[in-house]
Amino acid sequence: MPDDLSHVVSSSLGKVRVGARGIVMGLDMAGRDADLERLLLEIGFVEGARVEVLHEGPFGRDPIAVRVDDMRVALRRREALAVLIQPDQET
């Protein structure tokens, strides 16, 4: 596997659909509340964590259920927009 990750396209967890899997690359907190950053880190959205979107709510696709490593979490889509992921190549 090449060390150059410039070909990897990152996305926001809040933009992907059910079944999408990825690896957390970091948090984009531009224009967001600092408390949200602390909350996301405490939940487990840390760099390198594996995530999968399990379910979306029926109205406006909100909230979403996400597996973070071995834990399941529900998030509002606007909160999930702060989580940057790259596709998981090992699935």
Protein backbone atom coordinates (compact mmCIF):
# COMPACT_ATOMS: atom_id res chain seq x y z
CA MET A 1 0.00 0.00 0.00
CA PRO A 2 1.49 3.39 -0.95
CA ASP A 3 2.35 5.91 1.77
CA ASP A 4 0.97 8.78 -0.34
CA LEU A 5 -2.65 9.35 0.73
CA SER A 6 -3.30 12.22 -1.70
CA HIS A 7 -5.57 9.95 -3.75
CA VAL A 8 -7.87 9.33 -0.76
CA VAL A 9 -11.08 11.32 -0.91
CA SER A 10 -12.48 12.32 2.44
CA SER A 11 -16.12 13.05 3.10
CA SER A 12 -18.28 14.11 5.96
CA LEU A 13 -20.05 11.40 7.94
CA GLY A 14 -23.22 13.47 7.67
CA LYS A 15 -23.23 13.22 3.86
CA VAL A 16 -22.91 9.47 3.39
CA ARG A 17 -25.76 6.95 3.22
CA VAL A 18 -26.71 3.81 5.10
CA GLY A 19 -24.11 1.09 4.66
CA ALA A 20 -21.22 3.50 4.15
CA ARG A 21 -18.07 2.53 6.04
CA GLY A 22 -15.05 4.63 6.75
CA ILE A 23 -12.24 5.63 9.02
CA VAL A 24 -12.32 8.86 11.01
CA MET A 25 -9.69 11.30 9.72
CA GLY A 26 -10.52 14.11 12.14
CA LEU A 27 -13.10 16.74 13.03
CA ASP A 28 -13.98 19.90 11.11
CA MET A 29 -15.03 22.31 13.82
CA ALA A 30 -15.06 25.49 11.69
CA GLY A 31 -18.04 27.54 12.81
CA ARG A 32 -19.19 24.90 15.30
CA ASP A 33 -19.56 24.89 19.07
CA ALA A 34 -16.45 23.80 21.01
CA ASP A 35 -18.66 21.63 23.22
CA LEU A 36 -19.56 19.54 20.16
CA GLU A 37 -15.89 18.73 19.58
CA ARG A 38 -15.49 17.52 23.16
CA LEU A 39 -18.69 15.46 22.91
CA LEU A 40 -17.67 13.78 19.64
CA LEU A 41 -14.24 12.91 21.02
CA GLU A 42 -15.75 11.49 24.22
CA ILE A 43 -18.17 9.36 22.19
CA GLY A 44 -15.24 7.88 20.26
CA PHE A 45 -14.96 9.82 17.02
CA VAL A 46 -11.17 9.90 17.24
CA GLU A 47 -8.70 9.63 14.39
CA GLY A 48 -8.46 6.04 13.17
CA ALA A 49 -11.83 4.85 14.55
CA ARG A 50 -13.86 2.74 12.13
CA VAL A 51 -17.41 3.93 11.47
CA GLU A 52 -20.44 2.57 9.63
CA VAL A 53 -23.81 4.24 9.04
CA LEU A 54 -26.44 1.75 10.20
CA HIS A 55 -29.75 3.59 9.95
CA GLU A 56 -31.31 6.94 9.06
CA GLY A 57 -34.46 8.47 10.45
CA PRO A 58 -37.56 8.55 8.23
CA PHE A 59 -37.96 12.33 8.11
CA GLY A 60 -35.10 14.24 6.54
CA ARG A 61 -32.80 11.23 7.12
CA ASP A 62 -32.31 12.48 10.68
CA PRO A 63 -31.06 11.25 13.14
CA ILE A 64 -28.57 8.64 11.98
CA ALA A 65 -27.37 5.54 13.82
CA VAL A 66 -23.63 4.96 13.52
CA ARG A 67 -21.34 2.17 14.65
CA VAL A 68 -18.10 3.63 16.05
CA ASP A 69 -15.67 0.76 16.49
CA ASP A 70 -17.77 -1.60 18.69
CA MET A 71 -20.31 0.94 19.93
CA ARG A 72 -23.59 2.22 18.44
CA VAL A 73 -24.42 5.92 18.61
CA ALA A 74 -27.25 8.14 17.36
CA LEU A 75 -26.33 11.58 16.03
CA ARG A 76 -28.10 14.46 14.41
CA ARG A 77 -26.96 14.81 10.84
CA ARG A 78 -25.70 18.36 11.51
CA GLU A 79 -23.43 16.95 14.23
CA ALA A 80 -22.21 14.16 11.94
CA LEU A 81 -21.20 16.79 9.35
CA ALA A 82 -18.26 17.69 11.62
CA VAL A 83 -16.78 14.15 11.38
CA LEU A 84 -14.41 13.71 8.43
CA ILE A 85 -13.99 10.17 7.14
CA GLN A 86 -12.20 8.36 4.35
CA PRO A 87 -13.54 5.17 2.74
CA ASP A 88 -12.55 1.99 4.55
CA GLN A 89 -10.51 -0.03 2.06
CA GLU A 90 -10.49 -3.20 4.21
CA THR A 91 -14.20 -4.03 3.96
